[in-house]
Amino acid sequence: MSVEILDGSTVRSFVEDEGAFNSSVDGRFAALDADHDGLLTYAEMAGELMSLRVLEKHFGVDEAAIDPNELAGLYRGLFERIGYACC
């Protein structure tokens, strides 16, 4: 596994490079949009969202110890919170 360290100036440069940023976002979106309908559903986003392991990384909570239904509900709530209709 490789590790990349980014500082603020690297991130700002990337975001300010509109072509590179848009290409990256478009590529990531296309990879997530499994049915190629131009929309991301919860089903298409769920794996990606859960891979972020927000609870573990930011709150020190072992997600494996949480009831899977409760964890799924949490992630559905996050998905809805960012403005998407869910499930």
PDB file of N, CA and C in Angstrom:
ATOM      1  N   MET A   1       0.848  -1.171   0.000  1.00  0.00           N
ATOM      2  CA  MET A   1       0.000   0.000   0.000  1.00  0.00           C
ATOM      3  C   MET A   1       0.894   1.235   0.000  1.00  0.00           C
ATOM      4  N   SER A   2       0.523   2.225  -0.783  1.00  0.00           N
ATOM      5  CA  SER A   2       1.290   3.463  -0.802  1.00  0.00           C
ATOM      6  C   SER A   2       0.570   4.522   0.025  1.00  0.00           C
ATOM      7  N   VAL A   3       1.346   5.441   0.515  1.00  0.00           N
ATOM      8  CA  VAL A   3       0.800   6.538   1.309  1.00  0.00           C
ATOM      9  C   VAL A   3       1.232   7.834   0.652  1.00  0.00           C
ATOM     10  N   GLU A   4       0.274   8.715   0.472  1.00  0.00           N
ATOM     11  CA  GLU A   4       0.585  10.017  -0.092  1.00  0.00           C
ATOM     12  C   GLU A   4       0.260  11.080   0.934  1.00  0.00           C
ATOM     13  N   ILE A   5       1.153  12.028   1.073  1.00  0.00           N
ATOM     14  CA  ILE A   5       0.938  13.128   2.009  1.00  0.00           C
ATOM     15  C   ILE A   5       0.752  14.393   1.194  1.00  0.00           C
ATOM     16  N   LEU A   6      -0.355  15.060   1.438  1.00  0.00           N
ATOM     17  CA  LEU A   6      -0.664  16.289   0.722  1.00  0.00           C
ATOM     18  C   LEU A   6      -0.692  17.446   1.708  1.00  0.00           C
ATOM     19  N   ASP A   7      -0.084  18.526   1.314  1.00  0.00           N
ATOM     20  CA  ASP A   7      -0.200  19.716   2.157  1.00  0.00           C
ATOM     21  C   ASP A   7      -1.234  20.647   1.536  1.00  0.00           C
ATOM     22  N   GLY A   8      -1.587  21.681   2.267  1.00  0.00           N
ATOM     23  CA  GLY A   8      -2.631  22.603   1.816  1.00  0.00           C
ATOM     24  C   GLY A   8      -2.353  23.220   0.459  1.00  0.00           C
ATOM     25  N   SER A   9      -1.097  23.562   0.185  1.00  0.00           N
ATOM     26  CA  SER A   9      -0.797  24.208  -1.096  1.00  0.00           C
ATOM     27  C   SER A   9      -0.992  23.238  -2.262  1.00  0.00           C
ATOM     28  N   THR A  10      -0.703  21.966  -2.054  1.00  0.00           N
ATOM     29  CA  THR A  10      -0.914  20.964  -3.101  1.00  0.00           C
ATOM     30  C   THR A  10      -2.402  20.820  -3.406  1.00  0.00           C
ATOM     31  N   VAL A  11      -3.201  20.754  -2.366  1.00  0.00           N
ATOM     32  CA  VAL A  11      -4.650  20.623  -2.548  1.00  0.00           C
ATOM     33  C   VAL A  11      -5.211  21.870  -3.224  1.00  0.00           C
ATOM     34  N   ARG A  12      -4.805  23.051  -2.770  1.00  0.00           N
ATOM     35  CA  ARG A  12      -5.285  24.299  -3.390  1.00  0.00           C
ATOM     36  C   ARG A  12      -4.906  24.354  -4.872  1.00  0.00           C
ATOM     37  N   SER A  13      -3.679  23.978  -5.188  1.00  0.00           N
ATOM     38  CA  SER A  13      -3.241  23.998  -6.587  1.00  0.00           C
ATOM     39  C   SER A  13      -4.096  23.077  -7.442  1.00  0.00           C
ATOM     40  N   PHE A  14      -4.398  21.888  -6.909  1.00  0.00           N
ATOM     41  CA  PHE A  14      -5.220  20.937  -7.639  1.00  0.00           C
ATOM     42  C   PHE A  14      -6.629  21.484  -7.870  1.00  0.00           C
ATOM     43  N   VAL A  15      -7.231  22.040  -6.819  1.00  0.00           N
ATOM     44  CA  VAL A  15      -8.591  22.571  -6.926  1.00  0.00           C
ATOM     45  C   VAL A  15      -8.624  23.776  -7.860  1.00  0.00           C
ATOM     46  N   GLU A  16      -7.587  24.578  -7.831  1.00  0.00           N
ATOM     47  CA  GLU A  16      -7.544  25.770  -8.693  1.00  0.00           C
ATOM     48  C   GLU A  16      -7.296  25.417 -10.159  1.00  0.00           C
ATOM     49  N   ASP A  17      -6.730  24.244 -10.424  1.00  0.00           N
ATOM     50  CA  ASP A  17      -6.527  23.787 -11.800  1.00  0.00           C
ATOM     51  C   ASP A  17      -7.844  23.176 -12.264  1.00  0.00           C
ATOM     52  N   GLU A  18      -8.708  24.019 -12.813  1.00  0.00           N
ATOM     53  CA  GLU A  18     -10.070  23.612 -13.136  1.00  0.00           C
ATOM     54  C   GLU A  18     -10.126  22.377 -14.025  1.00  0.00           C
ATOM     55  N   GLY A  19      -9.273  22.295 -15.016  1.00  0.00           N
ATOM     56  CA  GLY A  19      -9.274  21.149 -15.925  1.00  0.00           C
ATOM     57  C   GLY A  19      -8.940  19.852 -15.202  1.00  0.00           C
ATOM     58  N   ALA A  20      -7.879  19.875 -14.400  1.00  0.00           N
ATOM     59  CA  ALA A  20      -7.469  18.667 -13.664  1.00  0.00           C
ATOM     60  C   ALA A  20      -8.519  18.277 -12.636  1.00  0.00           C
ATOM     61  N   PHE A  21      -9.056  19.269 -11.932  1.00  0.00           N
ATOM     62  CA  PHE A  21     -10.058  18.993 -10.911  1.00  0.00           C
ATOM     63  C   PHE A  21     -11.320  18.401 -11.535  1.00  0.00           C
ATOM     64  N   ASN A  22     -11.827  19.035 -12.577  1.00  0.00           N
ATOM     65  CA  ASN A  22     -13.037  18.545 -13.237  1.00  0.00           C
ATOM     66  C   ASN A  22     -12.837  17.154 -13.817  1.00  0.00           C
ATOM     67  N   SER A  23     -11.673  16.897 -14.390  1.00  0.00           N
ATOM     68  CA  SER A  23     -11.382  15.583 -14.941  1.00  0.00           C
ATOM     69  C   SER A  23     -11.382  14.523 -13.836  1.00  0.00           C
ATOM     70  N   SER A  24     -10.816  14.861 -12.709  1.00  0.00           N
ATOM     71  CA  SER A  24     -10.781  13.933 -11.575  1.00  0.00           C
ATOM     72  C   SER A  24     -12.192  13.652 -11.053  1.00  0.00           C
ATOM     73  N   VAL A  25     -12.972  14.704 -10.877  1.00  0.00           N
ATOM     74  CA  VAL A  25     -14.340  14.540 -10.380  1.00  0.00           C
ATOM     75  C   VAL A  25     -15.176  13.755 -11.388  1.00  0.00           C
ATOM     76  N   ASP A  26     -15.060  14.091 -12.664  1.00  0.00           N
ATOM     77  CA  ASP A  26     -15.821  13.379 -13.695  1.00  0.00           C
ATOM     78  C   ASP A  26     -15.458  11.894 -13.719  1.00  0.00           C
ATOM     79  N   GLY A  27     -14.177  11.591 -13.587  1.00  0.00           N
ATOM     80  CA  GLY A  27     -13.732  10.199 -13.587  1.00  0.00           C
ATOM     81  C   GLY A  27     -14.255   9.436 -12.383  1.00  0.00           C
ATOM     82  N   ARG A  28     -14.207  10.062 -11.218  1.00  0.00           N
ATOM     83  CA  ARG A  28     -14.694   9.405  -9.995  1.00  0.00           C
ATOM     84  C   ARG A  28     -16.201   9.193 -10.075  1.00  0.00           C
ATOM     85  N   PHE A  29     -16.922  10.219 -10.571  1.00  0.00           N
ATOM     86  CA  PHE A  29     -18.370  10.108 -10.731  1.00  0.00           C
ATOM     87  C   PHE A  29     -18.704   8.962 -11.676  1.00  0.00           C
ATOM     88  N   ALA A  30     -18.017   8.903 -12.807  1.00  0.00           N
ATOM     89  CA  ALA A  30     -18.281   7.847 -13.796  1.00  0.00           C
ATOM     90  C   ALA A  30     -18.033   6.469 -13.192  1.00  0.00           C
ATOM     91  N   ALA A  31     -17.013   6.350 -12.356  1.00  0.00           N
ATOM     92  CA  ALA A  31     -16.711   5.067 -11.724  1.00  0.00           C
ATOM     93  C   ALA A  31     -17.814   4.655 -10.748  1.00  0.00           C
ATOM     94  N   LEU A  32     -18.427   5.615 -10.080  1.00  0.00           N
ATOM     95  CA  LEU A  32     -19.486   5.320  -9.117  1.00  0.00           C
ATOM     96  C   LEU A  32     -20.845   5.109  -9.781  1.00  0.00           C
ATOM     97  N   ASP A  33     -21.084   5.758 -10.905  1.00  0.00           N
ATOM     98  CA  ASP A  33     -22.381   5.697 -11.596  1.00  0.00           C
ATOM     99  C   ASP A  33     -22.487   4.401 -12.392  1.00  0.00           C
ATOM    100  N   ALA A  34     -22.761   3.297 -11.685  1.00  0.00           N
ATOM    101  CA  ALA A  34     -22.738   1.961 -12.282  1.00  0.00           C
ATOM    102  C   ALA A  34     -23.696   1.795 -13.451  1.00  0.00           C
ATOM    103  N   ASP A  35     -24.869   2.425 -13.382  1.00  0.00           N
ATOM    104  CA  ASP A  35     -25.835   2.265 -14.472  1.00  0.00           C
ATOM    105  C   ASP A  35     -25.739   3.384 -15.515  1.00  0.00           C
ATOM    106  N   HIS A  36     -24.790   4.269 -15.342  1.00  0.00           N
ATOM    107  CA  HIS A  36     -24.493   5.342 -16.311  1.00  0.00           C
ATOM    108  C   HIS A  36     -25.701   6.217 -16.643  1.00  0.00           C
ATOM    109  N   ASP A  37     -26.528   6.483 -15.607  1.00  0.00           N
ATOM    110  CA  ASP A  37     -27.697   7.336 -15.847  1.00  0.00           C
ATOM    111  C   ASP A  37     -27.452   8.793 -15.456  1.00  0.00           C
ATOM    112  N   GLY A  38     -26.237   9.109 -15.033  1.00  0.00           N
ATOM    113  CA  GLY A  38     -25.911  10.489 -14.665  1.00  0.00           C
ATOM    114  C   GLY A  38     -26.336  10.861 -13.259  1.00  0.00           C
ATOM    115  N   LEU A  39     -26.827   9.890 -12.494  1.00  0.00           N
ATOM    116  CA  LEU A  39     -27.258  10.121 -11.111  1.00  0.00           C
ATOM    117  C   LEU A  39     -26.582   9.111 -10.204  1.00  0.00           C
ATOM    118  N   LEU A  40     -26.265   9.522  -8.992  1.00  0.00           N
ATOM    119  CA  LEU A  40     -25.717   8.588  -8.017  1.00  0.00           C
ATOM    120  C   LEU A  40     -26.802   8.224  -7.021  1.00  0.00           C
ATOM    121  N   THR A  41     -27.130   6.957  -6.974  1.00  0.00           N
ATOM    122  CA  THR A  41     -28.105   6.464  -6.009  1.00  0.00           C
ATOM    123  C   THR A  41     -27.370   6.055  -4.742  1.00  0.00           C
ATOM    124  N   TYR A  42     -28.139   5.823  -3.691  1.00  0.00           N
ATOM    125  CA  TYR A  42     -27.524   5.356  -2.459  1.00  0.00           C
ATOM    126  C   TYR A  42     -26.799   4.030  -2.694  1.00  0.00           C
ATOM    127  N   ALA A  43     -27.415   3.145  -3.454  1.00  0.00           N
ATOM    128  CA  ALA A  43     -26.789   1.852  -3.722  1.00  0.00           C
ATOM    129  C   ALA A  43     -25.433   2.029  -4.405  1.00  0.00           C
ATOM    130  N   GLU A  44     -25.338   2.983  -5.313  1.00  0.00           N
ATOM    131  CA  GLU A  44     -24.071   3.228  -6.006  1.00  0.00           C
ATOM    132  C   GLU A  44     -23.042   3.882  -5.085  1.00  0.00           C
ATOM    133  N   MET A  45     -23.500   4.684  -4.165  1.00  0.00           N
ATOM    134  CA  MET A  45     -22.592   5.402  -3.266  1.00  0.00           C
ATOM    135  C   MET A  45     -22.261   4.641  -1.986  1.00  0.00           C
ATOM    136  N   ALA A  46     -23.080   3.695  -1.580  1.00  0.00           N
ATOM    137  CA  ALA A  46     -22.957   3.072  -0.262  1.00  0.00           C
ATOM    138  C   ALA A  46     -21.568   2.515   0.015  1.00  0.00           C
ATOM    139  N   GLY A  47     -21.051   1.730  -0.893  1.00  0.00           N
ATOM    140  CA  GLY A  47     -19.730   1.141  -0.672  1.00  0.00           C
ATOM    141  C   GLY A  47     -18.656   2.191  -0.519  1.00  0.00           C
ATOM    142  N   GLU A  48     -18.705   3.194  -1.362  1.00  0.00           N
ATOM    143  CA  GLU A  48     -17.725   4.279  -1.302  1.00  0.00           C
ATOM    144  C   GLU A  48     -17.858   5.049   0.005  1.00  0.00           C
ATOM    145  N   LEU A  49     -19.080   5.363   0.371  1.00  0.00           N
ATOM    146  CA  LEU A  49     -19.334   6.106   1.599  1.00  0.00           C
ATOM    147  C   LEU A  49     -18.847   5.319   2.810  1.00  0.00           C
ATOM    148  N   MET A  50     -19.154   4.031   2.843  1.00  0.00           N
ATOM    149  CA  MET A  50     -18.737   3.204   3.971  1.00  0.00           C
ATOM    150  C   MET A  50     -17.229   3.009   4.005  1.00  0.00           C
ATOM    151  N   SER A  51     -16.580   3.041   2.849  1.00  0.00           N
ATOM    152  CA  SER A  51     -15.122   2.863   2.817  1.00  0.00           C
ATOM    153  C   SER A  51     -14.397   4.032   3.491  1.00  0.00           C
ATOM    154  N   LEU A  52     -15.083   5.144   3.659  1.00  0.00           N
ATOM    155  CA  LEU A  52     -14.467   6.294   4.330  1.00  0.00           C
ATOM    156  C   LEU A  52     -14.245   6.033   5.815  1.00  0.00           C
ATOM    157  N   ARG A  53     -15.015   5.096   6.393  1.00  0.00           N
ATOM    158  CA  ARG A  53     -14.901   4.704   7.797  1.00  0.00           C
ATOM    159  C   ARG A  53     -14.820   5.930   8.708  1.00  0.00           C
ATOM    160  N   VAL A  54     -15.790   6.813   8.538  1.00  0.00           N
ATOM    161  CA  VAL A  54     -15.848   8.079   9.269  1.00  0.00           C
ATOM    162  C   VAL A  54     -15.791   7.878  10.780  1.00  0.00           C
ATOM    163  N   LEU A  55     -16.562   6.946  11.287  1.00  0.00           N
ATOM    164  CA  LEU A  55     -16.591   6.736  12.737  1.00  0.00           C
ATOM    165  C   LEU A  55     -15.237   6.302  13.267  1.00  0.00           C
ATOM    166  N   GLU A  56     -14.599   5.404  12.546  1.00  0.00           N
ATOM    167  CA  GLU A  56     -13.306   4.891  12.997  1.00  0.00           C
ATOM    168  C   GLU A  56     -12.222   5.954  12.925  1.00  0.00           C
ATOM    169  N   LYS A  57     -12.147   6.633  11.788  1.00  0.00           N
ATOM    170  CA  LYS A  57     -11.069   7.592  11.566  1.00  0.00           C
ATOM    171  C   LYS A  57     -11.210   8.857  12.398  1.00  0.00           C
ATOM    172  N   HIS A  58     -12.428   9.311  12.592  1.00  0.00           N
ATOM    173  CA  HIS A  58     -12.615  10.610  13.238  1.00  0.00           C
ATOM    174  C   HIS A  58     -13.124  10.529  14.667  1.00  0.00           C
ATOM    175  N   PHE A  59     -13.678   9.391  15.041  1.00  0.00           N
ATOM    176  CA  PHE A  59     -14.251   9.295  16.380  1.00  0.00           C
ATOM    177  C   PHE A  59     -13.719   8.100  17.168  1.00  0.00           C
ATOM    178  N   GLY A  60     -12.831   7.310  16.569  1.00  0.00           N
ATOM    179  CA  GLY A  60     -12.236   6.175  17.251  1.00  0.00           C
ATOM    180  C   GLY A  60     -13.197   5.046  17.552  1.00  0.00           C
ATOM    181  N   VAL A  61     -14.294   4.959  16.816  1.00  0.00           N
ATOM    182  CA  VAL A  61     -15.294   3.907  17.028  1.00  0.00           C
ATOM    183  C   VAL A  61     -15.041   2.787  16.023  1.00  0.00           C
ATOM    184  N   ASP A  62     -14.929   1.557  16.515  1.00  0.00           N
ATOM    185  CA  ASP A  62     -14.729   0.405  15.644  1.00  0.00           C
ATOM    186  C   ASP A  62     -16.059   0.067  14.967  1.00  0.00           C
ATOM    187  N   GLU A  63     -16.147   0.336  13.671  1.00  0.00           N
ATOM    188  CA  GLU A  63     -17.401   0.107  12.956  1.00  0.00           C
ATOM    189  C   GLU A  63     -17.797  -1.365  12.943  1.00  0.00           C
ATOM    190  N   ALA A  64     -16.833  -2.273  13.064  1.00  0.00           N
ATOM    191  CA  ALA A  64     -17.144  -3.705  13.073  1.00  0.00           C
ATOM    192  C   ALA A  64     -17.941  -4.095  14.315  1.00  0.00           C
ATOM    193  N   ALA A  65     -17.861  -3.272  15.365  1.00  0.00           N
ATOM    194  CA  ALA A  65     -18.564  -3.571  16.615  1.00  0.00           C
ATOM    195  C   ALA A  65     -19.990  -3.025  16.631  1.00  0.00           C
ATOM    196  N   ILE A  66     -20.376  -2.284  15.594  1.00  0.00           N
ATOM    197  CA  ILE A  66     -21.703  -1.680  15.529  1.00  0.00           C
ATOM    198  C   ILE A  66     -22.638  -2.609  14.755  1.00  0.00           C
ATOM    199  N   ASP A  67     -23.869  -2.700  15.213  1.00  0.00           N
ATOM    200  CA  ASP A  67     -24.876  -3.495  14.511  1.00  0.00           C
ATOM    201  C   ASP A  67     -24.921  -3.037  13.052  1.00  0.00           C
ATOM    202  N   PRO A  68     -24.826  -3.965  12.091  1.00  0.00           N
ATOM    203  CA  PRO A  68     -24.819  -3.594  10.671  1.00  0.00           C
ATOM    204  C   PRO A  68     -26.021  -2.755  10.253  1.00  0.00           C
ATOM    205  N   ASN A  69     -27.206  -3.032  10.814  1.00  0.00           N
ATOM    206  CA  ASN A  69     -28.387  -2.238  10.463  1.00  0.00           C
ATOM    207  C   ASN A  69     -28.265  -0.803  10.971  1.00  0.00           C
ATOM    208  N   GLU A  70     -27.701  -0.653  12.160  1.00  0.00           N
ATOM    209  CA  GLU A  70     -27.497   0.683  12.714  1.00  0.00           C
ATOM    210  C   GLU A  70     -26.474   1.461  11.887  1.00  0.00           C
ATOM    211  N   LEU A  71     -25.412   0.775  11.501  1.00  0.00           N
ATOM    212  CA  LEU A  71     -24.387   1.411  10.677  1.00  0.00           C
ATOM    213  C   LEU A  71     -24.956   1.821   9.324  1.00  0.00           C
ATOM    214  N   ALA A  72     -25.743   0.927   8.707  1.00  0.00           N
ATOM    215  CA  ALA A  72     -26.368   1.244   7.418  1.00  0.00           C
ATOM    216  C   ALA A  72     -27.299   2.448   7.563  1.00  0.00           C
ATOM    217  N   GLY A  73     -28.037   2.509   8.673  1.00  0.00           N
ATOM    218  CA  GLY A  73     -28.922   3.651   8.923  1.00  0.00           C
ATOM    219  C   GLY A  73     -28.146   4.947   9.056  1.00  0.00           C
ATOM    220  N   LEU A  74     -27.006   4.874   9.718  1.00  0.00           N
ATOM    221  CA  LEU A  74     -26.163   6.061   9.866  1.00  0.00           C
ATOM    222  C   LEU A  74     -25.707   6.563   8.497  1.00  0.00           C
ATOM    223  N   TYR A  75     -25.230   5.646   7.678  1.00  0.00           N
ATOM    224  CA  TYR A  75     -24.757   6.061   6.360  1.00  0.00           C
ATOM    225  C   TYR A  75     -25.894   6.528   5.452  1.00  0.00           C
ATOM    226  N   ARG A  76     -27.068   5.917   5.575  1.00  0.00           N
ATOM    227  CA  ARG A  76     -28.227   6.426   4.816  1.00  0.00           C
ATOM    228  C   ARG A  76     -28.540   7.857   5.247  1.00  0.00           C
ATOM    229  N   GLY A  77     -28.453   8.117   6.551  1.00  0.00           N
ATOM    230  CA  GLY A  77     -28.684   9.467   7.061  1.00  0.00           C
ATOM    231  C   GLY A  77     -27.674  10.460   6.525  1.00  0.00           C
ATOM    232  N   LEU A  78     -26.402  10.060   6.457  1.00  0.00           N
ATOM    233  CA  LEU A  78     -25.373  10.941   5.894  1.00  0.00           C
ATOM    234  C   LEU A  78     -25.665  11.232   4.427  1.00  0.00           C
ATOM    235  N   PHE A  79     -26.063  10.211   3.701  1.00  0.00           N
ATOM    236  CA  PHE A  79     -26.375  10.361   2.279  1.00  0.00           C
ATOM    237  C   PHE A  79     -27.516  11.353   2.095  1.00  0.00           C
ATOM    238  N   GLU A  80     -28.561  11.200   2.903  1.00  0.00           N
ATOM    239  CA  GLU A  80     -29.700  12.116   2.823  1.00  0.00           C
ATOM    240  C   GLU A  80     -29.286  13.525   3.230  1.00  0.00           C
ATOM    241  N   ARG A  81     -28.408  13.607   4.202  1.00  0.00           N
ATOM    242  CA  ARG A  81     -27.956  14.913   4.713  1.00  0.00           C
ATOM    243  C   ARG A  81     -27.243  15.738   3.644  1.00  0.00           C
ATOM    244  N   ILE A  82     -26.542  15.057   2.723  1.00  0.00           N
ATOM    245  CA  ILE A  82     -25.838  15.803   1.677  1.00  0.00           C
ATOM    246  C   ILE A  82     -26.753  16.118   0.491  1.00  0.00           C
ATOM    247  N   GLY A  83     -28.048  15.829   0.660  1.00  0.00           N
ATOM    248  CA  GLY A  83     -29.001  16.298  -0.333  1.00  0.00           C
ATOM    249  C   GLY A  83     -29.526  15.277  -1.305  1.00  0.00           C
ATOM    250  N   TYR A  84     -29.324  14.003  -1.026  1.00  0.00           N
ATOM    251  CA  TYR A  84     -29.809  12.972  -1.932  1.00  0.00           C
ATOM    252  C   TYR A  84     -30.994  12.261  -1.324  1.00  0.00           C
ATOM    253  N   ALA A  85     -31.948  11.918  -2.157  1.00  0.00           N
ATOM    254  CA  ALA A  85     -33.048  11.069  -1.704  1.00  0.00           C
ATOM    255  C   ALA A  85     -32.467   9.673  -1.520  1.00  0.00           C
ATOM    256  N   CYS A  86     -32.932   8.997  -0.539  1.00  0.00           N
ATOM    257  CA  CYS A  86     -32.326   7.709  -0.234  1.00  0.00           C
ATOM    258  C   CYS A  86     -33.306   6.570  -0.375  1.00  0.00           C
ATOM    259  N   CYS A  87     -32.781   5.499  -0.833  1.00  0.00           N
ATOM    260  CA  CYS A  87     -33.360   4.149  -0.828  1.00  0.00           C
ATOM    261  C   CYS A  87     -34.747   4.139  -1.350  1.00  0.00           C
TER     262      CYS A  87
END
